[in-house]
């Protein structure tokens, strides 16, 4: 797994993994010591200090990377197209006799219904 690194982009902080960007933390426009993380669709999160805003982005990135790793391993299909059993057993014994005894075949008689 590649390392996640924070880089400055003007006043913003960007979380990168190689060349892939996972998130951005921007300073709040009203309060100078507060930051917000950029959510999907350009929405902004609630205000937080820099450490908490960075942590929120970092946790989301780790969760996404873990999900992608799990999907890549878990959804692989078996390349073999054959069934579970190698060869099916024949329904009757090879000598022509039935595999299970039939009532009356060995001298047993069936009882008459009452």
N, C-alpha and C. Protein backbone atom coordinates (compact mmCIF):
# COMPACT_ATOMS: atom_id res chain seq x y z
N UNK A 1 0.84 -1.16 0.00
CA UNK A 1 0.00 0.00 0.00
C UNK A 1 0.90 1.24 0.00
N UNK A 2 0.56 2.20 -0.84
CA UNK A 2 1.34 3.43 -0.91
C UNK A 2 1.03 4.31 0.29
N UNK A 3 1.96 5.21 0.57
CA UNK A 3 1.80 6.11 1.71
C UNK A 3 0.93 7.30 1.32
N UNK A 4 0.16 7.78 2.29
CA UNK A 4 -0.64 8.99 2.12
C UNK A 4 0.19 10.18 2.59
N UNK A 5 0.22 11.24 1.80
CA UNK A 5 1.02 12.42 2.13
C UNK A 5 0.20 13.68 1.97
N UNK A 6 0.41 14.64 2.87
CA UNK A 6 -0.23 15.95 2.79
C UNK A 6 0.68 16.90 2.02
N UNK A 7 0.10 17.68 1.11
CA UNK A 7 0.84 18.69 0.34
C UNK A 7 0.05 19.99 0.37
N UNK A 8 0.78 21.10 0.34
CA UNK A 8 0.15 22.41 0.30
C UNK A 8 -0.21 22.77 -1.14
N UNK A 9 -1.36 23.42 -1.30
CA UNK A 9 -1.79 23.95 -2.59
C UNK A 9 -2.32 25.36 -2.32
N UNK A 10 -1.43 26.31 -2.25
CA UNK A 10 -1.80 27.67 -1.84
C UNK A 10 -2.11 27.66 -0.35
N UNK A 11 -3.33 28.01 0.01
CA UNK A 11 -3.75 27.96 1.41
C UNK A 11 -4.37 26.61 1.77
N UNK A 12 -4.65 25.79 0.80
CA UNK A 12 -5.32 24.50 1.01
C UNK A 12 -4.30 23.41 1.31
N UNK A 13 -4.80 22.33 1.90
CA UNK A 13 -4.02 21.11 2.11
C UNK A 13 -4.68 20.01 1.28
N UNK A 14 -3.85 19.22 0.57
CA UNK A 14 -4.36 18.13 -0.26
C UNK A 14 -3.73 16.82 0.21
N UNK A 15 -4.56 15.79 0.35
CA UNK A 15 -4.08 14.46 0.72
C UNK A 15 -3.88 13.65 -0.55
N UNK A 16 -2.64 13.20 -0.78
CA UNK A 16 -2.30 12.45 -1.99
C UNK A 16 -1.75 11.07 -1.64
N UNK A 17 -2.03 10.15 -2.54
CA UNK A 17 -1.43 8.81 -2.50
C UNK A 17 -0.83 8.59 -3.87
N UNK A 18 0.45 8.86 -4.00
CA UNK A 18 1.07 8.87 -5.32
C UNK A 18 0.55 10.09 -6.08
N UNK A 19 -0.14 9.85 -7.19
CA UNK A 19 -0.73 10.94 -7.96
C UNK A 19 -2.22 11.08 -7.71
N UNK A 20 -2.78 10.20 -6.93
CA UNK A 20 -4.22 10.21 -6.67
C UNK A 20 -4.55 11.13 -5.51
N UNK A 21 -5.53 12.01 -5.70
CA UNK A 21 -5.95 12.93 -4.66
C UNK A 21 -7.13 12.32 -3.90
N UNK A 22 -7.03 12.28 -2.57
CA UNK A 22 -8.10 11.72 -1.75
C UNK A 22 -8.95 12.78 -1.08
N UNK A 23 -8.44 13.96 -0.86
CA UNK A 23 -9.25 14.97 -0.19
C UNK A 23 -8.54 16.30 -0.12
N UNK A 24 -9.31 17.30 0.30
CA UNK A 24 -8.79 18.66 0.39
C UNK A 24 -9.34 19.31 1.65
N UNK A 25 -8.49 20.06 2.33
CA UNK A 25 -8.88 20.84 3.50
C UNK A 25 -8.64 22.30 3.15
N UNK A 26 -9.68 23.12 3.31
CA UNK A 26 -9.58 24.54 2.95
C UNK A 26 -9.82 25.40 4.19
N UNK A 27 -9.19 26.57 4.27
CA UNK A 27 -9.45 27.46 5.41
C UNK A 27 -10.85 28.05 5.32
N UNK A 28 -11.46 28.30 6.48
CA UNK A 28 -12.79 28.88 6.53
C UNK A 28 -12.69 30.35 6.11
N UNK A 29 -13.68 30.83 5.37
CA UNK A 29 -13.64 32.20 4.87
C UNK A 29 -13.91 33.24 5.96
N UNK A 30 -14.58 32.86 7.05
CA UNK A 30 -14.94 33.82 8.10
C UNK A 30 -13.99 33.78 9.29
N UNK A 31 -13.59 32.57 9.72
CA UNK A 31 -12.75 32.41 10.91
C UNK A 31 -11.35 31.97 10.49
N UNK A 32 -10.35 32.72 10.88
CA UNK A 32 -9.00 32.50 10.37
C UNK A 32 -8.34 31.21 10.86
N UNK A 33 -8.64 30.73 12.04
CA UNK A 33 -7.97 29.54 12.59
C UNK A 33 -8.79 28.26 12.37
N UNK A 34 -9.84 28.35 11.57
CA UNK A 34 -10.71 27.19 11.36
C UNK A 34 -10.62 26.72 9.91
N UNK A 35 -10.88 25.41 9.73
CA UNK A 35 -10.78 24.78 8.41
C UNK A 35 -12.01 23.94 8.15
N UNK A 36 -12.22 23.62 6.88
CA UNK A 36 -13.31 22.73 6.46
C UNK A 36 -12.75 21.75 5.42
N UNK A 37 -13.29 20.55 5.41
CA UNK A 37 -12.89 19.60 4.36
C UNK A 37 -13.93 19.67 3.24
N UNK A 38 -13.46 19.50 2.03
CA UNK A 38 -14.34 19.55 0.87
C UNK A 38 -14.96 18.17 0.68
N UNK A 39 -16.28 18.10 0.67
CA UNK A 39 -17.01 16.85 0.52
C UNK A 39 -17.41 16.67 -0.94
N UNK A 40 -18.08 15.57 -1.24
CA UNK A 40 -18.50 15.31 -2.62
C UNK A 40 -19.47 16.40 -3.09
N UNK A 41 -19.39 16.73 -4.34
CA UNK A 41 -20.25 17.75 -4.91
C UNK A 41 -19.83 19.16 -4.55
N UNK A 42 -18.65 19.34 -3.95
CA UNK A 42 -18.17 20.67 -3.60
C UNK A 42 -18.70 21.22 -2.29
N UNK A 43 -19.49 20.42 -1.57
CA UNK A 43 -20.00 20.87 -0.27
C UNK A 43 -18.86 20.95 0.73
N UNK A 44 -19.04 21.74 1.76
CA UNK A 44 -18.03 21.88 2.80
C UNK A 44 -18.52 21.23 4.09
N UNK A 45 -17.58 20.67 4.84
CA UNK A 45 -17.91 20.05 6.13
C UNK A 45 -18.10 21.13 7.19
N UNK A 46 -18.40 20.71 8.40
CA UNK A 46 -18.45 21.64 9.53
C UNK A 46 -17.05 22.16 9.82
N UNK A 47 -16.98 23.28 10.53
CA UNK A 47 -15.69 23.86 10.87
C UNK A 47 -14.97 23.00 11.91
N UNK A 48 -13.65 22.97 11.80
CA UNK A 48 -12.80 22.26 12.76
C UNK A 48 -11.42 22.89 12.71
N UNK A 49 -10.62 22.58 13.72
CA UNK A 49 -9.24 23.06 13.63
C UNK A 49 -8.51 22.23 12.57
N UNK A 50 -7.31 22.60 12.22
CA UNK A 50 -6.60 21.96 11.12
C UNK A 50 -6.39 20.47 11.37
N UNK A 51 -6.03 20.09 12.58
CA UNK A 51 -5.76 18.67 12.88
C UNK A 51 -7.02 17.83 12.71
N UNK A 52 -8.15 18.31 13.19
CA UNK A 52 -9.40 17.54 13.08
C UNK A 52 -9.89 17.47 11.64
N UNK A 53 -9.76 18.55 10.90
CA UNK A 53 -10.18 18.54 9.50
C UNK A 53 -9.33 17.58 8.68
N UNK A 54 -8.02 17.59 8.92
CA UNK A 54 -7.13 16.65 8.23
C UNK A 54 -7.44 15.21 8.61
N UNK A 55 -7.74 14.98 9.89
CA UNK A 55 -8.05 13.63 10.34
C UNK A 55 -9.32 13.11 9.67
N UNK A 56 -10.33 13.95 9.50
CA UNK A 56 -11.57 13.52 8.85
C UNK A 56 -11.30 13.07 7.41
N UNK A 57 -10.48 13.81 6.69
CA UNK A 57 -10.13 13.44 5.32
C UNK A 57 -9.30 12.16 5.31
N UNK A 58 -8.37 12.04 6.24
CA UNK A 58 -7.51 10.86 6.31
C UNK A 58 -8.32 9.59 6.60
N UNK A 59 -9.27 9.67 7.52
CA UNK A 59 -10.10 8.50 7.85
C UNK A 59 -10.93 8.08 6.65
N UNK A 60 -11.51 9.04 5.93
CA UNK A 60 -12.30 8.72 4.74
C UNK A 60 -11.43 8.07 3.66
N UNK A 61 -10.19 8.56 3.50
CA UNK A 61 -9.28 7.98 2.51
C UNK A 61 -8.90 6.55 2.88
N UNK A 62 -8.60 6.31 4.15
CA UNK A 62 -8.25 4.95 4.59
C UNK A 62 -9.41 4.00 4.39
N UNK A 63 -10.63 4.46 4.68
CA UNK A 63 -11.81 3.63 4.50
C UNK A 63 -12.01 3.28 3.03
N UNK A 64 -11.80 4.25 2.15
CA UNK A 64 -11.94 4.00 0.72
C UNK A 64 -10.88 3.03 0.21
N UNK A 65 -9.64 3.18 0.66
CA UNK A 65 -8.58 2.28 0.23
C UNK A 65 -8.82 0.85 0.73
N UNK A 66 -9.32 0.73 1.96
CA UNK A 66 -9.61 -0.60 2.50
C UNK A 66 -10.74 -1.26 1.72
N UNK A 67 -11.78 -0.49 1.37
CA UNK A 67 -12.89 -1.03 0.60
C UNK A 67 -12.42 -1.51 -0.77
N UNK A 68 -11.60 -0.70 -1.44
CA UNK A 68 -11.10 -1.09 -2.75
C UNK A 68 -10.24 -2.35 -2.68
N UNK A 69 -9.45 -2.49 -1.63
CA UNK A 69 -8.62 -3.69 -1.48
C UNK A 69 -9.50 -4.91 -1.24
N UNK A 70 -10.55 -4.75 -0.44
CA UNK A 70 -11.44 -5.87 -0.14
C UNK A 70 -12.23 -6.30 -1.37
N UNK A 71 -12.70 -5.35 -2.16
CA UNK A 71 -13.45 -5.67 -3.37
C UNK A 71 -12.55 -6.36 -4.40
N UNK A 72 -11.32 -5.90 -4.52
CA UNK A 72 -10.40 -6.49 -5.49
C UNK A 72 -10.11 -7.95 -5.16
N UNK A 73 -10.08 -8.30 -3.89
CA UNK A 73 -9.80 -9.68 -3.49
C UNK A 73 -11.07 -10.52 -3.45
N UNK A 74 -12.16 -9.97 -2.93
CA UNK A 74 -13.35 -10.75 -2.66
C UNK A 74 -14.22 -11.07 -3.85
N UNK A 75 -14.21 -10.29 -4.89
CA UNK A 75 -15.13 -10.52 -5.99
C UNK A 75 -14.52 -11.27 -7.17
N UNK A 76 -13.34 -11.81 -6.98
CA UNK A 76 -12.71 -12.56 -8.07
C UNK A 76 -13.51 -13.84 -8.33
N UNK A 77 -13.74 -14.13 -9.59
CA UNK A 77 -14.49 -15.32 -9.94
C UNK A 77 -13.53 -16.46 -10.26
N UNK A 78 -14.00 -17.66 -10.04
CA UNK A 78 -13.21 -18.84 -10.34
C UNK A 78 -13.10 -18.99 -11.86
N UNK A 79 -11.90 -19.20 -12.40
CA UNK A 79 -11.77 -19.31 -13.86
C UNK A 79 -12.28 -20.62 -14.42
N UNK A 80 -12.54 -21.62 -13.58
CA UNK A 80 -13.00 -22.92 -14.06
C UNK A 80 -14.50 -22.89 -14.24
N UNK A 81 -14.97 -23.51 -15.32
CA UNK A 81 -16.39 -23.51 -15.65
C UNK A 81 -17.08 -24.83 -15.31
N UNK A 82 -16.32 -25.84 -14.91
CA UNK A 82 -16.94 -27.14 -14.66
C UNK A 82 -17.62 -27.18 -13.30
N UNK A 83 -18.38 -28.25 -13.06
CA UNK A 83 -19.13 -28.38 -11.83
C UNK A 83 -18.27 -28.72 -10.63
N UNK A 84 -18.93 -28.96 -9.53
CA UNK A 84 -18.25 -29.23 -8.28
C UNK A 84 -17.63 -30.62 -8.27
N UNK A 85 -18.37 -31.61 -8.79
CA UNK A 85 -17.90 -32.99 -8.75
C UNK A 85 -17.17 -33.33 -10.05
N UNK A 86 -16.09 -34.09 -9.96
CA UNK A 86 -15.30 -34.45 -11.13
C UNK A 86 -16.09 -35.39 -12.05
N UNK A 87 -16.62 -36.47 -11.50
CA UNK A 87 -17.39 -37.42 -12.30
C UNK A 87 -18.61 -37.85 -11.48
N UNK A 88 -19.73 -37.91 -12.13
CA UNK A 88 -20.96 -38.30 -11.43
C UNK A 88 -21.01 -39.82 -11.29
N UNK A 89 -21.49 -40.31 -10.17
CA UNK A 89 -21.66 -41.75 -9.95
C UNK A 89 -22.88 -42.22 -10.72
N UNK A 90 -22.82 -43.42 -11.29
CA UNK A 90 -23.99 -43.93 -12.03
C UNK A 90 -25.15 -44.19 -11.07
N UNK A 91 -26.40 -44.03 -11.52
CA UNK A 91 -27.55 -44.23 -10.64
C UNK A 91 -27.78 -45.68 -10.25
N UNK A 92 -27.24 -46.63 -11.01
CA UNK A 92 -27.40 -48.05 -10.65
C UNK A 92 -26.03 -48.68 -10.51
N UNK A 93 -25.99 -49.81 -9.82
CA UNK A 93 -24.73 -50.52 -9.65
C UNK A 93 -24.27 -51.05 -11.02
N UNK A 94 -22.97 -51.20 -11.24
CA UNK A 94 -22.47 -51.65 -12.55
C UNK A 94 -22.94 -53.04 -12.96
N UNK A 95 -23.33 -53.90 -12.01
CA UNK A 95 -23.74 -55.26 -12.38
C UNK A 95 -25.20 -55.33 -12.78
N UNK A 96 -25.92 -54.25 -12.83
CA UNK A 96 -27.29 -54.24 -13.28
C UNK A 96 -28.30 -54.36 -12.16
N UNK A 97 -27.86 -54.72 -10.95
CA UNK A 97 -28.79 -54.81 -9.85
C UNK A 97 -29.08 -53.42 -9.30
N UNK A 98 -30.21 -53.29 -8.65
CA UNK A 98 -30.58 -52.00 -8.08
C UNK A 98 -29.65 -51.66 -6.92
N UNK A 99 -29.37 -50.41 -6.73
CA UNK A 99 -28.49 -49.99 -5.66
C UNK A 99 -29.16 -50.14 -4.30
N UNK A 100 -30.48 -50.02 -4.24
CA UNK A 100 -31.22 -50.21 -2.98
C UNK A 100 -32.16 -51.38 -3.18
N UNK A 101 -32.33 -52.21 -2.13
CA UNK A 101 -33.21 -53.38 -2.29
C UNK A 101 -34.66 -52.95 -2.46
N UNK A 102 -35.38 -53.70 -3.31
CA UNK A 102 -36.79 -53.44 -3.57
C UNK A 102 -37.59 -54.39 -2.70
N UNK A 103 -38.67 -53.90 -2.11
CA UNK A 103 -39.51 -54.75 -1.25
C UNK A 103 -40.06 -55.90 -2.08
N UNK A 104 -39.97 -57.09 -1.56
CA UNK A 104 -40.48 -58.28 -2.24
C UNK A 104 -39.44 -58.95 -3.12
N UNK A 105 -38.34 -58.32 -3.40
CA UNK A 105 -37.33 -58.89 -4.28
C UNK A 105 -36.51 -59.96 -3.59
N UNK A 106 -36.37 -59.92 -2.28
CA UNK A 106 -35.55 -60.91 -1.59
C UNK A 106 -36.41 -61.82 -0.73
N UNK A 107 -37.64 -62.05 -1.15
CA UNK A 107 -38.50 -62.94 -0.40
C UNK A 107 -39.32 -62.22 0.65
N UNK A 108 -39.17 -60.95 0.82
CA UNK A 108 -39.97 -60.19 1.76
C UNK A 108 -41.32 -59.90 1.15
N UNK A 109 -42.32 -59.95 1.96
CA UNK A 109 -43.66 -59.63 1.45
C UNK A 109 -44.13 -58.35 2.06
N UNK A 110 -44.94 -57.65 1.30
CA UNK A 110 -45.50 -56.41 1.82
C UNK A 110 -46.75 -56.73 2.61
N UNK A 111 -46.98 -55.96 3.66
CA UNK A 111 -48.17 -56.15 4.47
C UNK A 111 -49.38 -55.58 3.74
N UNK A 112 -50.47 -56.25 3.91
CA UNK A 112 -51.73 -55.80 3.32
C UNK A 112 -52.26 -54.61 4.11
N UNK A 113 -52.75 -53.58 3.43
CA UNK A 113 -53.34 -52.45 4.15
C UNK A 113 -54.59 -52.88 4.90
N UNK A 114 -54.85 -52.27 6.03
CA UNK A 114 -56.01 -52.63 6.87
C UNK A 114 -57.19 -51.81 6.47
